[in-house]
């Protein structure tokens, strides 16, 4: 895989340094930042049309797009039908990705660490404080776990990745659901360090021995981070890889009548990875000219960008879903 850093820089260069010409601008979810910018670069090369997408987190994507500061926003926490109506926004899915538990544990190889769903909750809540805790040793009998404090790396900004991660935690634990809920920002009680965006958390994990944190999978690959094998909803331990992401995404129910509002995290299925997420694109209904440029871009991405998505470890949306999206655009006069 090409370096994400070079892809992101190249994508930003295409968007910001070209000569005069109309350009649509968006920001938000860092989860979808690598693929949006890679698509933007390829789209410009194929069509000569420019699209700019910057990160900043899902909170920024929602805030800026609903305030009409950008043409479109990216968010991993989808707007409910009620919120779409309130802010007069259109919404559709972009791609499917996955959140992984990346760790910096000296002497422990990649994918050597197994984590039960309950252990992930206990680490996030600060109830499991040391790497050699009995809960971790029970499923890792052949792994030498040190008596070192666990440092939990998490997002410091309003984050859709946090929203999806806490959705998983709340699905597993009534205790988490009652005391913390599903949110883009959390008052963490664990021994934690915050980083801005997926790149910030990825950097913390890379630089901090005995740390563990949640990041989008492409960032783990980019930083050569070690990733955990995790227990899924059906009780099987699964690796984060394309086939387990695809198995997880297969059962997603995207309904255009709800502006495609759905959460696909913690899916059923023996082979399903339990921490999948779908970033969404939101755009103001009344900005028809800009909306048509945005839908033209995503039409090209759906039809031509599957290989780009796979190289960055995303799962492209199936044609049955993209056909629904294209009809949704047409029905709303933005295609």
C-alpha atoms as a PDB file:
ATOM      1  CA  UNK A   1       0.000   0.000   0.000  1.00  0.00           C
ATOM      2  CA  UNK A   2       1.223   3.491  -0.838  1.00  0.00           C
ATOM      3  CA  UNK A   3       1.929   5.725   2.083  1.00  0.00           C
ATOM      4  CA  UNK A   4      -1.216   7.494   3.307  1.00  0.00           C
ATOM      5  CA  UNK A   5       0.823  10.564   4.006  1.00  0.00           C
ATOM      6  CA  UNK A   6       1.845  10.881   0.361  1.00  0.00           C
ATOM      7  CA  UNK A   7      -1.713  10.227  -0.800  1.00  0.00           C
ATOM      8  CA  UNK A   8      -3.155  12.819   1.563  1.00  0.00           C
ATOM      9  CA  UNK A   9      -0.557  15.435   0.660  1.00  0.00           C
ATOM     10  CA  UNK A  10      -1.040  14.765  -3.031  1.00  0.00           C
ATOM     11  CA  UNK A  11      -4.820  14.987  -2.675  1.00  0.00           C
ATOM     12  CA  UNK A  12      -4.566  18.267  -0.797  1.00  0.00           C
ATOM     13  CA  UNK A  13      -2.187  19.640  -3.463  1.00  0.00           C
ATOM     14  CA  UNK A  14      -4.655  18.848  -6.217  1.00  0.00           C
ATOM     15  CA  UNK A  15      -7.422  20.542  -4.286  1.00  0.00           C
ATOM     16  CA  UNK A  16      -5.675  23.704  -3.192  1.00  0.00           C
ATOM     17  CA  UNK A  17      -2.849  24.613  -5.552  1.00  0.00           C
ATOM     18  CA  UNK A  18      -4.383  24.304  -9.021  1.00  0.00           C
ATOM     19  CA  UNK A  19      -5.208  27.261 -11.200  1.00  0.00           C
ATOM     20  CA  UNK A  20      -8.584  28.949 -11.221  1.00  0.00           C
ATOM     21  CA  UNK A  21     -11.630  26.745 -11.626  1.00  0.00           C
ATOM     22  CA  UNK A  22     -14.761  25.977  -9.702  1.00  0.00           C
ATOM     23  CA  UNK A  23     -14.205  23.624  -6.785  1.00  0.00           C
ATOM     24  CA  UNK A  24     -16.419  22.081  -4.129  1.00  0.00           C
ATOM     25  CA  UNK A  25     -15.041  21.986  -0.603  1.00  0.00           C
ATOM     26  CA  UNK A  26     -15.739  19.707   2.307  1.00  0.00           C
ATOM     27  CA  UNK A  27     -14.346  18.728   5.690  1.00  0.00           C
ATOM     28  CA  UNK A  28     -15.031  16.466   8.659  1.00  0.00           C
ATOM     29  CA  UNK A  29     -14.466  12.777   9.332  1.00  0.00           C
ATOM     30  CA  UNK A  30     -10.798  11.796   9.394  1.00  0.00           C
ATOM     31  CA  UNK A  31     -11.996   8.191   9.060  1.00  0.00           C
ATOM     32  CA  UNK A  32     -12.870   8.884   5.423  1.00  0.00           C
ATOM     33  CA  UNK A  33     -10.089  11.424   4.791  1.00  0.00           C
ATOM     34  CA  UNK A  34      -7.615   9.064   3.041  1.00  0.00           C
ATOM     35  CA  UNK A  35     -10.145   7.676   0.576  1.00  0.00           C
ATOM     36  CA  UNK A  36     -11.821  11.034  -0.142  1.00  0.00           C
ATOM     37  CA  UNK A  37      -8.488  12.640  -0.946  1.00  0.00           C
ATOM     38  CA  UNK A  38      -7.271   9.659  -2.977  1.00  0.00           C
ATOM     39  CA  UNK A  39     -10.510   9.721  -4.947  1.00  0.00           C
ATOM     40  CA  UNK A  40     -10.191  13.499  -5.419  1.00  0.00           C
ATOM     41  CA  UNK A  41      -6.728  13.105  -6.913  1.00  0.00           C
ATOM     42  CA  UNK A  42      -7.851  10.370  -9.323  1.00  0.00           C
ATOM     43  CA  UNK A  43     -11.051  12.278 -10.178  1.00  0.00           C
ATOM     44  CA  UNK A  44      -9.096  15.371 -11.138  1.00  0.00           C
ATOM     45  CA  UNK A  45      -6.770  13.303 -13.304  1.00  0.00           C
ATOM     46  CA  UNK A  46      -9.739  11.681 -15.065  1.00  0.00           C
ATOM     47  CA  UNK A  47     -12.028  14.707 -15.427  1.00  0.00           C
ATOM     48  CA  UNK A  48     -10.109  17.907 -14.673  1.00  0.00           C
ATOM     49  CA  UNK A  49     -12.649  18.724 -11.957  1.00  0.00           C
ATOM     50  CA  UNK A  50     -11.534  19.640  -8.456  1.00  0.00           C
ATOM     51  CA  UNK A  51     -12.803  18.494  -5.078  1.00  0.00           C
ATOM     52  CA  UNK A  52     -11.221  19.501  -1.773  1.00  0.00           C
ATOM     53  CA  UNK A  53     -11.747  17.502   1.392  1.00  0.00           C
ATOM     54  CA  UNK A  54     -10.017  18.242   4.693  1.00  0.00           C
ATOM     55  CA  UNK A  55     -10.343  16.396   7.989  1.00  0.00           C
ATOM     56  CA  UNK A  56     -11.041  17.902  11.388  1.00  0.00           C
ATOM     57  CA  UNK A  57     -13.371  15.233  12.767  1.00  0.00           C
ATOM     58  CA  UNK A  58     -17.037  14.395  12.299  1.00  0.00           C
ATOM     59  CA  UNK A  59     -18.105  17.136  14.707  1.00  0.00           C
ATOM     60  CA  UNK A  60     -16.491  19.710  12.447  1.00  0.00           C
ATOM     61  CA  UNK A  61     -18.030  18.129   9.365  1.00  0.00           C
ATOM     62  CA  UNK A  62     -21.523  18.405  10.832  1.00  0.00           C
ATOM     63  CA  UNK A  63     -20.962  21.894  12.249  1.00  0.00           C
ATOM     64  CA  UNK A  64     -19.446  23.391   9.105  1.00  0.00           C
ATOM     65  CA  UNK A  65     -21.844  21.831   6.612  1.00  0.00           C
ATOM     66  CA  UNK A  66     -25.007  22.640   8.585  1.00  0.00           C
ATOM     67  CA  UNK A  67     -23.732  26.216   8.996  1.00  0.00           C
ATOM     68  CA  UNK A  68     -23.123  26.334   5.216  1.00  0.00           C
ATOM     69  CA  UNK A  69     -19.399  27.046   5.705  1.00  0.00           C
ATOM     70  CA  UNK A  70     -18.468  24.209   3.340  1.00  0.00           C
ATOM     71  CA  UNK A  71     -20.275  22.520   0.467  1.00  0.00           C
ATOM     72  CA  UNK A  72     -20.335  19.109   2.125  1.00  0.00           C
ATOM     73  CA  UNK A  73     -19.323  17.362   5.306  1.00  0.00           C
ATOM     74  CA  UNK A  74     -18.131  13.921   6.301  1.00  0.00           C
ATOM     75  CA  UNK A  75     -19.426  12.227   9.443  1.00  0.00           C
ATOM     76  CA  UNK A  76     -19.158   8.731  10.883  1.00  0.00           C
ATOM     77  CA  UNK A  77     -22.115   9.466  13.175  1.00  0.00           C
ATOM     78  CA  UNK A  78     -25.031   9.703  10.734  1.00  0.00           C
ATOM     79  CA  UNK A  79     -27.655  12.398  11.071  1.00  0.00           C
ATOM     80  CA  UNK A  80     -31.007  11.023  12.162  1.00  0.00           C
ATOM     81  CA  UNK A  81     -33.961  11.664   9.820  1.00  0.00           C
ATOM     82  CA  UNK A  82     -35.137  14.314  12.295  1.00  0.00           C
ATOM     83  CA  UNK A  83     -31.747  16.082  12.242  1.00  0.00           C
ATOM     84  CA  UNK A  84     -31.642  15.908   8.442  1.00  0.00           C
ATOM     85  CA  UNK A  85     -35.011  17.618   8.298  1.00  0.00           C
ATOM     86  CA  UNK A  86     -34.069  20.232  10.897  1.00  0.00           C
ATOM     87  CA  UNK A  87     -30.882  21.267   9.117  1.00  0.00           C
ATOM     88  CA  UNK A  88     -32.281  20.699   5.598  1.00  0.00           C
ATOM     89  CA  UNK A  89     -29.542  18.260   4.678  1.00  0.00           C
ATOM     90  CA  UNK A  90     -29.186  15.343   2.292  1.00  0.00           C
ATOM     91  CA  UNK A  91     -27.185  12.332   3.468  1.00  0.00           C
ATOM     92  CA  UNK A  92     -25.712   9.237   1.859  1.00  0.00           C
ATOM     93  CA  UNK A  93     -23.006   6.635   2.686  1.00  0.00           C
ATOM     94  CA  UNK A  94     -19.548   6.855   1.131  1.00  0.00           C
ATOM     95  CA  UNK A  95     -17.791   3.571   1.874  1.00  0.00           C
ATOM     96  CA  UNK A  96     -17.376   1.034   4.679  1.00  0.00           C
ATOM     97  CA  UNK A  97     -14.312   0.929   6.932  1.00  0.00           C
ATOM     98  CA  UNK A  98     -13.214  -0.539  10.220  1.00  0.00           C
ATOM     99  CA  UNK A  99     -11.901   0.613  13.587  1.00  0.00           C
ATOM    100  CA  UNK A 100      -9.112  -1.453  15.117  1.00  0.00           C
ATOM    101  CA  UNK A 101      -7.493  -1.742  18.528  1.00  0.00           C
ATOM    102  CA  UNK A 102      -3.867  -0.854  17.821  1.00  0.00           C
ATOM    103  CA  UNK A 103      -1.250  -1.447  20.516  1.00  0.00           C
ATOM    104  CA  UNK A 104       2.382  -0.747  21.344  1.00  0.00           C
ATOM    105  CA  UNK A 105       3.361  -3.676  23.506  1.00  0.00           C
ATOM    106  CA  UNK A 106       7.112  -4.445  23.385  1.00  0.00           C
ATOM    107  CA  UNK A 107       7.802  -8.105  22.705  1.00  0.00           C
ATOM    108  CA  UNK A 108       4.252  -8.886  21.561  1.00  0.00           C
ATOM    109  CA  UNK A 109       3.858  -9.446  17.817  1.00  0.00           C
ATOM    110  CA  UNK A 110       1.158  -8.136  15.516  1.00  0.00           C
ATOM    111  CA  UNK A 111      -2.158  -9.985  15.945  1.00  0.00           C
ATOM    112  CA  UNK A 112      -0.698 -11.977  18.863  1.00  0.00           C
ATOM    113  CA  UNK A 113      -2.921 -10.145  21.354  1.00  0.00           C
ATOM    114  CA  UNK A 114      -6.522 -11.316  21.722  1.00  0.00           C
ATOM    115  CA  UNK A 115      -9.168  -9.093  23.292  1.00  0.00           C
ATOM    116  CA  UNK A 116     -12.634 -10.144  24.372  1.00  0.00           C
ATOM    117  CA  UNK A 117     -15.399  -7.606  23.888  1.00  0.00           C
ATOM    118  CA  UNK A 118     -15.717  -7.267  27.664  1.00  0.00           C
ATOM    119  CA  UNK A 119     -11.969  -6.677  28.046  1.00  0.00           C
ATOM    120  CA  UNK A 120     -12.146  -3.823  25.534  1.00  0.00           C
ATOM    121  CA  UNK A 121     -14.904  -2.227  27.614  1.00  0.00           C
ATOM    122  CA  UNK A 122     -12.913  -2.738  30.840  1.00  0.00           C
ATOM    123  CA  UNK A 123      -9.799  -1.111  29.327  1.00  0.00           C
ATOM    124  CA  UNK A 124     -11.804   1.860  28.046  1.00  0.00           C
ATOM    125  CA  UNK A 125     -13.445   2.312  31.454  1.00  0.00           C
ATOM    126  CA  UNK A 126     -10.148   2.048  33.316  1.00  0.00           C
ATOM    127  CA  UNK A 127     -11.206  -1.099  35.182  1.00  0.00           C
ATOM    128  CA  UNK A 128      -8.366  -3.119  33.676  1.00  0.00           C
ATOM    129  CA  UNK A 129      -5.308  -1.072  34.569  1.00  0.00           C
ATOM    130  CA  UNK A 130      -2.347  -3.387  33.903  1.00  0.00           C
ATOM    131  CA  UNK A 131      -1.383  -5.505  30.937  1.00  0.00           C
ATOM    132  CA  UNK A 132      -1.052  -8.645  33.074  1.00  0.00           C
ATOM    133  CA  UNK A 133      -4.623  -8.397  34.396  1.00  0.00           C
ATOM    134  CA  UNK A 134      -6.321 -11.770  34.773  1.00  0.00           C
ATOM    135  CA  UNK A 135      -8.962 -10.846  32.193  1.00  0.00           C
ATOM    136  CA  UNK A 136      -6.274 -10.387  29.540  1.00  0.00           C
ATOM    137  CA  UNK A 137      -4.132 -13.346  30.595  1.00  0.00           C
ATOM    138  CA  UNK A 138      -7.103 -15.718  30.396  1.00  0.00           C
ATOM    139  CA  UNK A 139      -7.325 -15.469  26.592  1.00  0.00           C
ATOM    140  CA  UNK A 140      -3.591 -14.867  26.028  1.00  0.00           C
ATOM    141  CA  UNK A 141      -1.955 -17.788  27.895  1.00  0.00           C
ATOM    142  CA  UNK A 142       1.061 -17.918  25.576  1.00  0.00           C
ATOM    143  CA  UNK A 143       1.678 -14.164  25.449  1.00  0.00           C
ATOM    144  CA  UNK A 144       4.103 -12.620  27.897  1.00  0.00           C
ATOM    145  CA  UNK A 145       2.087  -9.711  29.281  1.00  0.00           C
ATOM    146  CA  UNK A 146       4.096  -7.281  31.458  1.00  0.00           C
ATOM    147  CA  UNK A 147       3.061  -5.709  34.734  1.00  0.00           C
ATOM    148  CA  UNK A 148       2.874  -2.274  33.134  1.00  0.00           C
ATOM    149  CA  UNK A 149       0.104   0.297  33.268  1.00  0.00           C
ATOM    150  CA  UNK A 150      -2.139   0.416  30.217  1.00  0.00           C
ATOM    151  CA  UNK A 151      -2.142   3.822  28.516  1.00  0.00           C
ATOM    152  CA  UNK A 152      -5.347   4.301  26.550  1.00  0.00           C
ATOM    153  CA  UNK A 153      -5.032   6.462  23.414  1.00  0.00           C
ATOM    154  CA  UNK A 154      -8.272   8.164  22.401  1.00  0.00           C
ATOM    155  CA  UNK A 155      -9.609  11.063  20.361  1.00  0.00           C
ATOM    156  CA  UNK A 156      -9.463  14.568  21.833  1.00  0.00           C
ATOM    157  CA  UNK A 157     -11.799  16.098  19.223  1.00  0.00           C
ATOM    158  CA  UNK A 158     -15.481  15.513  18.462  1.00  0.00           C
ATOM    159  CA  UNK A 159     -15.107  12.275  16.575  1.00  0.00           C
ATOM    160  CA  UNK A 160     -17.288   9.935  14.574  1.00  0.00           C
ATOM    161  CA  UNK A 161     -14.690   7.233  15.209  1.00  0.00           C
ATOM    162  CA  UNK A 162     -15.337   7.737  18.931  1.00  0.00           C
ATOM    163  CA  UNK A 163     -19.078   7.631  18.250  1.00  0.00           C
ATOM    164  CA  UNK A 164     -18.778   4.290  16.479  1.00  0.00           C
ATOM    165  CA  UNK A 165     -16.366   2.915  19.087  1.00  0.00           C
ATOM    166  CA  UNK A 166     -18.693   3.898  21.929  1.00  0.00           C
ATOM    167  CA  UNK A 167     -21.609   2.377  20.003  1.00  0.00           C
ATOM    168  CA  UNK A 168     -19.693  -0.914  20.163  1.00  0.00           C
ATOM    169  CA  UNK A 169     -18.952  -0.434  23.875  1.00  0.00           C
ATOM    170  CA  UNK A 170     -22.583   0.388  24.626  1.00  0.00           C
ATOM    171  CA  UNK A 171     -23.740  -2.663  22.646  1.00  0.00           C
ATOM    172  CA  UNK A 172     -21.487  -4.915  24.730  1.00  0.00           C
ATOM    173  CA  UNK A 173     -21.968  -3.347  28.168  1.00  0.00           C
ATOM    174  CA  UNK A 174     -25.072  -2.080  29.975  1.00  0.00           C
ATOM    175  CA  UNK A 175     -22.730  -0.398  32.434  1.00  0.00           C
ATOM    176  CA  UNK A 176     -21.079   1.587  29.636  1.00  0.00           C
ATOM    177  CA  UNK A 177     -24.438   2.413  28.069  1.00  0.00           C
ATOM    178  CA  UNK A 178     -25.802   3.733  31.376  1.00  0.00           C
ATOM    179  CA  UNK A 179     -22.770   5.746  32.475  1.00  0.00           C
ATOM    180  CA  UNK A 180     -21.274   6.981  29.199  1.00  0.00           C
ATOM    181  CA  UNK A 181     -23.588   6.341  26.286  1.00  0.00           C
ATOM    182  CA  UNK A 182     -22.832   6.755  22.582  1.00  0.00           C
ATOM    183  CA  UNK A 183     -21.137  10.097  21.917  1.00  0.00           C
ATOM    184  CA  UNK A 184     -18.577  11.896  19.777  1.00  0.00           C
ATOM    185  CA  UNK A 185     -16.763  13.097  22.924  1.00  0.00           C
ATOM    186  CA  UNK A 186     -16.347  11.167  26.180  1.00  0.00           C
ATOM    187  CA  UNK A 187     -14.998  12.004  29.644  1.00  0.00           C
ATOM    188  CA  UNK A 188     -12.670   9.034  29.816  1.00  0.00           C
ATOM    189  CA  UNK A 189     -11.809   7.641  33.252  1.00  0.00           C
ATOM    190  CA  UNK A 190      -8.996   5.362  32.065  1.00  0.00           C
ATOM    191  CA  UNK A 191      -5.296   6.273  32.170  1.00  0.00           C
ATOM    192  CA  UNK A 192      -5.561   8.031  28.833  1.00  0.00           C
ATOM    193  CA  UNK A 193      -3.892  10.381  26.356  1.00  0.00           C
ATOM    194  CA  UNK A 194      -5.846  12.275  23.700  1.00  0.00           C
ATOM    195  CA  UNK A 195      -4.881  12.921  20.088  1.00  0.00           C
ATOM    196  CA  UNK A 196      -6.565  14.953  17.364  1.00  0.00           C
ATOM    197  CA  UNK A 197      -7.957  12.908  14.524  1.00  0.00           C
ATOM    198  CA  UNK A 198      -7.018   9.381  13.592  1.00  0.00           C
ATOM    199  CA  UNK A 199      -3.502  10.610  12.704  1.00  0.00           C
ATOM    200  CA  UNK A 200      -3.056  12.051  16.210  1.00  0.00           C
ATOM    201  CA  UNK A 201      -4.117   8.863  17.995  1.00  0.00           C
ATOM    202  CA  UNK A 202      -2.030   6.758  15.632  1.00  0.00           C
ATOM    203  CA  UNK A 203       1.019   8.896  16.443  1.00  0.00           C
ATOM    204  CA  UNK A 204       0.460   8.532  20.203  1.00  0.00           C
ATOM    205  CA  UNK A 205       0.297   4.743  19.949  1.00  0.00           C
ATOM    206  CA  UNK A 206       3.431   4.600  17.815  1.00  0.00           C
ATOM    207  CA  UNK A 207       5.409   6.778  20.238  1.00  0.00           C
ATOM    208  CA  UNK A 208       4.077   5.405  23.554  1.00  0.00           C
ATOM    209  CA  UNK A 209       5.106   1.966  24.839  1.00  0.00           C
ATOM    210  CA  UNK A 210       2.335   0.009  26.603  1.00  0.00           C
ATOM    211  CA  UNK A 211      -0.397   2.028  24.905  1.00  0.00           C
ATOM    212  CA  UNK A 212      -3.513   0.851  23.117  1.00  0.00           C
ATOM    213  CA  UNK A 213      -6.142   2.849  21.255  1.00  0.00           C
ATOM    214  CA  UNK A 214      -8.826   2.844  18.577  1.00  0.00           C
ATOM    215  CA  UNK A 215      -8.052   4.063  15.049  1.00  0.00           C
ATOM    216  CA  UNK A 216      -9.320   3.554  11.518  1.00  0.00           C
ATOM    217  CA  UNK A 217      -7.601   0.532   9.983  1.00  0.00           C
ATOM    218  CA  UNK A 218      -5.839   2.384   7.143  1.00  0.00           C
ATOM    219  CA  UNK A 219      -3.961   4.477   9.726  1.00  0.00           C
ATOM    220  CA  UNK A 220      -2.832   1.317  11.512  1.00  0.00           C
ATOM    221  CA  UNK A 221      -1.458  -0.048   8.247  1.00  0.00           C
ATOM    222  CA  UNK A 222       0.242   3.265   7.460  1.00  0.00           C
ATOM    223  CA  UNK A 223       1.995   3.435  10.825  1.00  0.00           C
ATOM    224  CA  UNK A 224       2.838  -0.292  10.906  1.00  0.00           C
ATOM    225  CA  UNK A 225       0.913  -0.562  14.156  1.00  0.00           C
ATOM    226  CA  UNK A 226       0.236  -3.898  15.786  1.00  0.00           C
ATOM    227  CA  UNK A 227      -3.473  -4.702  15.877  1.00  0.00           C
ATOM    228  CA  UNK A 228      -5.468  -6.969  18.164  1.00  0.00           C
ATOM    229  CA  UNK A 229      -7.598  -9.951  17.224  1.00  0.00           C
ATOM    230  CA  UNK A 230     -10.990  -9.226  18.770  1.00  0.00           C
ATOM    231  CA  UNK A 231     -14.046 -11.176  19.854  1.00  0.00           C
ATOM    232  CA  UNK A 232     -17.113 -10.591  17.714  1.00  0.00           C
ATOM    233  CA  UNK A 233     -20.792 -10.623  18.582  1.00  0.00           C
ATOM    234  CA  UNK A 234     -21.070 -14.380  18.026  1.00  0.00           C
ATOM    235  CA  UNK A 235     -18.113 -15.113  20.322  1.00  0.00           C
ATOM    236  CA  UNK A 236     -15.466 -15.797  17.672  1.00  0.00           C
ATOM    237  CA  UNK A 237     -12.042 -14.131  17.590  1.00  0.00           C
ATOM    238  CA  UNK A 238     -11.506 -12.500  14.191  1.00  0.00           C
ATOM    239  CA  UNK A 239      -8.646 -10.635  12.594  1.00  0.00           C
ATOM    240  CA  UNK A 240      -9.141  -7.188  11.087  1.00  0.00           C
ATOM    241  CA  UNK A 241      -8.887  -7.904   7.356  1.00  0.00           C
ATOM    242  CA  UNK A 242     -10.842  -7.310   4.173  1.00  0.00           C
ATOM    243  CA  UNK A 243     -12.860 -10.547   4.271  1.00  0.00           C
ATOM    244  CA  UNK A 244     -14.052  -9.972   7.860  1.00  0.00           C
ATOM    245  CA  UNK A 245     -14.927  -6.336   7.015  1.00  0.00           C
ATOM    246  CA  UNK A 246     -16.907  -7.515   3.982  1.00  0.00           C
ATOM    247  CA  UNK A 247     -18.740 -10.112   6.070  1.00  0.00           C
ATOM    248  CA  UNK A 248     -19.665  -7.418   8.580  1.00  0.00           C
ATOM    249  CA  UNK A 249     -20.880  -4.969   5.933  1.00  0.00           C
ATOM    250  CA  UNK A 250     -23.001  -7.519   4.072  1.00  0.00           C
ATOM    251  CA  UNK A 251     -26.019  -7.166   6.344  1.00  0.00           C
ATOM    252  CA  UNK A 252     -26.227  -3.365   6.373  1.00  0.00           C
ATOM    253  CA  UNK A 253     -29.719  -1.980   5.720  1.00  0.00           C
ATOM    254  CA  UNK A 254     -29.512   1.348   3.898  1.00  0.00           C
ATOM    255  CA  UNK A 255     -32.939   2.970   3.542  1.00  0.00           C
ATOM    256  CA  UNK A 256     -33.165   6.104   1.338  1.00  0.00           C
ATOM    257  CA  UNK A 257     -36.447   7.042   3.036  1.00  0.00           C
ATOM    258  CA  UNK A 258     -34.387   7.661   6.189  1.00  0.00           C
ATOM    259  CA  UNK A 259     -31.588   9.460   4.376  1.00  0.00           C
ATOM    260  CA  UNK A 260     -29.740   6.111   4.629  1.00  0.00           C
ATOM    261  CA  UNK A 261     -29.565   6.471   8.416  1.00  0.00           C
ATOM    262  CA  UNK A 262     -28.187   3.250   9.861  1.00  0.00           C
ATOM    263  CA  UNK A 263     -25.431   2.085  12.185  1.00  0.00           C
ATOM    264  CA  UNK A 264     -23.613  -1.057  11.090  1.00  0.00           C
ATOM    265  CA  UNK A 265     -21.330  -1.453  14.112  1.00  0.00           C
ATOM    266  CA  UNK A 266     -21.312  -4.719  16.104  1.00  0.00           C
ATOM    267  CA  UNK A 267     -22.916  -6.894  13.422  1.00  0.00           C
ATOM    268  CA  UNK A 268     -23.934 -10.527  13.723  1.00  0.00           C
ATOM    269  CA  UNK A 269     -22.069 -13.275  11.917  1.00  0.00           C
ATOM    270  CA  UNK A 270     -19.398 -15.810  12.717  1.00  0.00           C
ATOM    271  CA  UNK A 271     -16.925 -14.206  10.290  1.00  0.00           C
ATOM    272  CA  UNK A 272     -17.884 -10.564  10.927  1.00  0.00           C
ATOM    273  CA  UNK A 273     -15.418  -8.074  12.323  1.00  0.00           C
ATOM    274  CA  UNK A 274     -17.242  -6.314  15.191  1.00  0.00           C
ATOM    275  CA  UNK A 275     -15.983  -2.742  14.792  1.00  0.00           C
ATOM    276  CA  UNK A 276     -17.064  -1.675  11.324  1.00  0.00           C
ATOM    277  CA  UNK A 277     -18.338   1.782  10.464  1.00  0.00           C
ATOM    278  CA  UNK A 278     -19.831   3.641   7.551  1.00  0.00           C
ATOM    279  CA  UNK A 279     -18.873   7.295   7.049  1.00  0.00           C
ATOM    280  CA  UNK A 280     -21.593   9.459   5.533  1.00  0.00           C
ATOM    281  CA  UNK A 281     -21.591  12.529   3.311  1.00  0.00           C
ATOM    282  CA  UNK A 282     -23.998  15.354   4.176  1.00  0.00           C
ATOM    283  CA  UNK A 283     -24.806  18.407   2.048  1.00  0.00           C
ATOM    284  CA  UNK A 284     -27.308  21.297   2.155  1.00  0.00           C
ATOM    285  CA  UNK A 285     -30.430  20.681   0.097  1.00  0.00           C
ATOM    286  CA  UNK A 286     -30.634  24.195  -1.334  1.00  0.00           C
ATOM    287  CA  UNK A 287     -27.090  24.333  -2.780  1.00  0.00           C
ATOM    288  CA  UNK A 288     -28.167  22.468  -5.889  1.00  0.00           C
ATOM    289  CA  UNK A 289     -25.297  23.534  -8.169  1.00  0.00           C
ATOM    290  CA  UNK A 290     -22.671  22.463  -5.630  1.00  0.00           C
ATOM    291  CA  UNK A 291     -24.651  19.320  -4.771  1.00  0.00           C
ATOM    292  CA  UNK A 292     -24.613  18.254  -8.416  1.00  0.00           C
ATOM    293  CA  UNK A 293     -20.827  18.591  -8.487  1.00  0.00           C
ATOM    294  CA  UNK A 294     -20.578  16.521  -5.305  1.00  0.00           C
ATOM    295  CA  UNK A 295     -22.861  13.780  -6.632  1.00  0.00           C
ATOM    296  CA  UNK A 296     -20.895  13.740  -9.909  1.00  0.00           C
ATOM    297  CA  UNK A 297     -17.737  13.153  -7.880  1.00  0.00           C
ATOM    298  CA  UNK A 298     -19.244  10.305  -5.857  1.00  0.00           C
ATOM    299  CA  UNK A 299     -20.847   8.809  -8.972  1.00  0.00           C
ATOM    300  CA  UNK A 300     -17.338   8.613 -10.441  1.00  0.00           C
ATOM    301  CA  UNK A 301     -15.970   7.211  -7.159  1.00  0.00           C
ATOM    302  CA  UNK A 302     -18.642   4.508  -6.910  1.00  0.00           C
ATOM    303  CA  UNK A 303     -18.194   3.514 -10.561  1.00  0.00           C
ATOM    304  CA  UNK A 304     -14.406   3.819 -10.842  1.00  0.00           C
ATOM    305  CA  UNK A 305     -12.883   4.005  -7.366  1.00  0.00           C
ATOM    306  CA  UNK A 306     -13.386   0.516  -5.925  1.00  0.00           C
ATOM    307  CA  UNK A 307      -9.767  -0.523  -6.448  1.00  0.00           C
ATOM    308  CA  UNK A 308      -8.541   2.684  -4.811  1.00  0.00           C
ATOM    309  CA  UNK A 309     -10.784   1.977  -1.825  1.00  0.00           C
ATOM    310  CA  UNK A 310      -9.554  -1.604  -1.468  1.00  0.00           C
ATOM    311  CA  UNK A 311      -5.902  -0.536  -1.589  1.00  0.00           C
ATOM    312  CA  UNK A 312      -6.646   1.697   1.395  1.00  0.00           C
ATOM    313  CA  UNK A 313      -8.480  -1.149   3.186  1.00  0.00           C
ATOM    314  CA  UNK A 314     -12.018   0.156   2.777  1.00  0.00           C
ATOM    315  CA  UNK A 315     -14.946  -1.932   1.544  1.00  0.00           C
ATOM    316  CA  UNK A 316     -16.654  -0.380  -1.515  1.00  0.00           C
ATOM    317  CA  UNK A 317     -20.421  -0.130  -1.352  1.00  0.00           C
ATOM    318  CA  UNK A 318     -22.200  -2.805  -3.419  1.00  0.00           C
ATOM    319  CA  UNK A 319     -23.954  -1.762  -6.616  1.00  0.00           C
ATOM    320  CA  UNK A 320     -27.341  -2.464  -5.040  1.00  0.00           C
ATOM    321  CA  UNK A 321     -26.612   0.324  -2.536  1.00  0.00           C
ATOM    322  CA  UNK A 322     -25.033   2.806  -4.973  1.00  0.00           C
ATOM    323  CA  UNK A 323     -28.040   2.376  -7.282  1.00  0.00           C
ATOM    324  CA  UNK A 324     -30.286   3.387  -4.361  1.00  0.00           C
ATOM    325  CA  UNK A 325     -28.061   6.403  -3.691  1.00  0.00           C
ATOM    326  CA  UNK A 326     -28.173   7.547  -7.323  1.00  0.00           C
ATOM    327  CA  UNK A 327     -31.984   7.297  -7.358  1.00  0.00           C
ATOM    328  CA  UNK A 328     -32.093   9.243  -4.064  1.00  0.00           C
ATOM    329  CA  UNK A 329     -30.029  12.014  -5.673  1.00  0.00           C
ATOM    330  CA  UNK A 330     -32.292  12.066  -8.725  1.00  0.00           C
ATOM    331  CA  UNK A 331     -35.440  12.155  -6.592  1.00  0.00           C
ATOM    332  CA  UNK A 332     -34.004  15.153  -4.707  1.00  0.00           C
ATOM    333  CA  UNK A 333     -32.981  16.994  -7.868  1.00  0.00           C
ATOM    334  CA  UNK A 334     -29.220  16.872  -7.273  1.00  0.00           C
ATOM    335  CA  UNK A 335     -28.170  14.494 -10.049  1.00  0.00           C
END
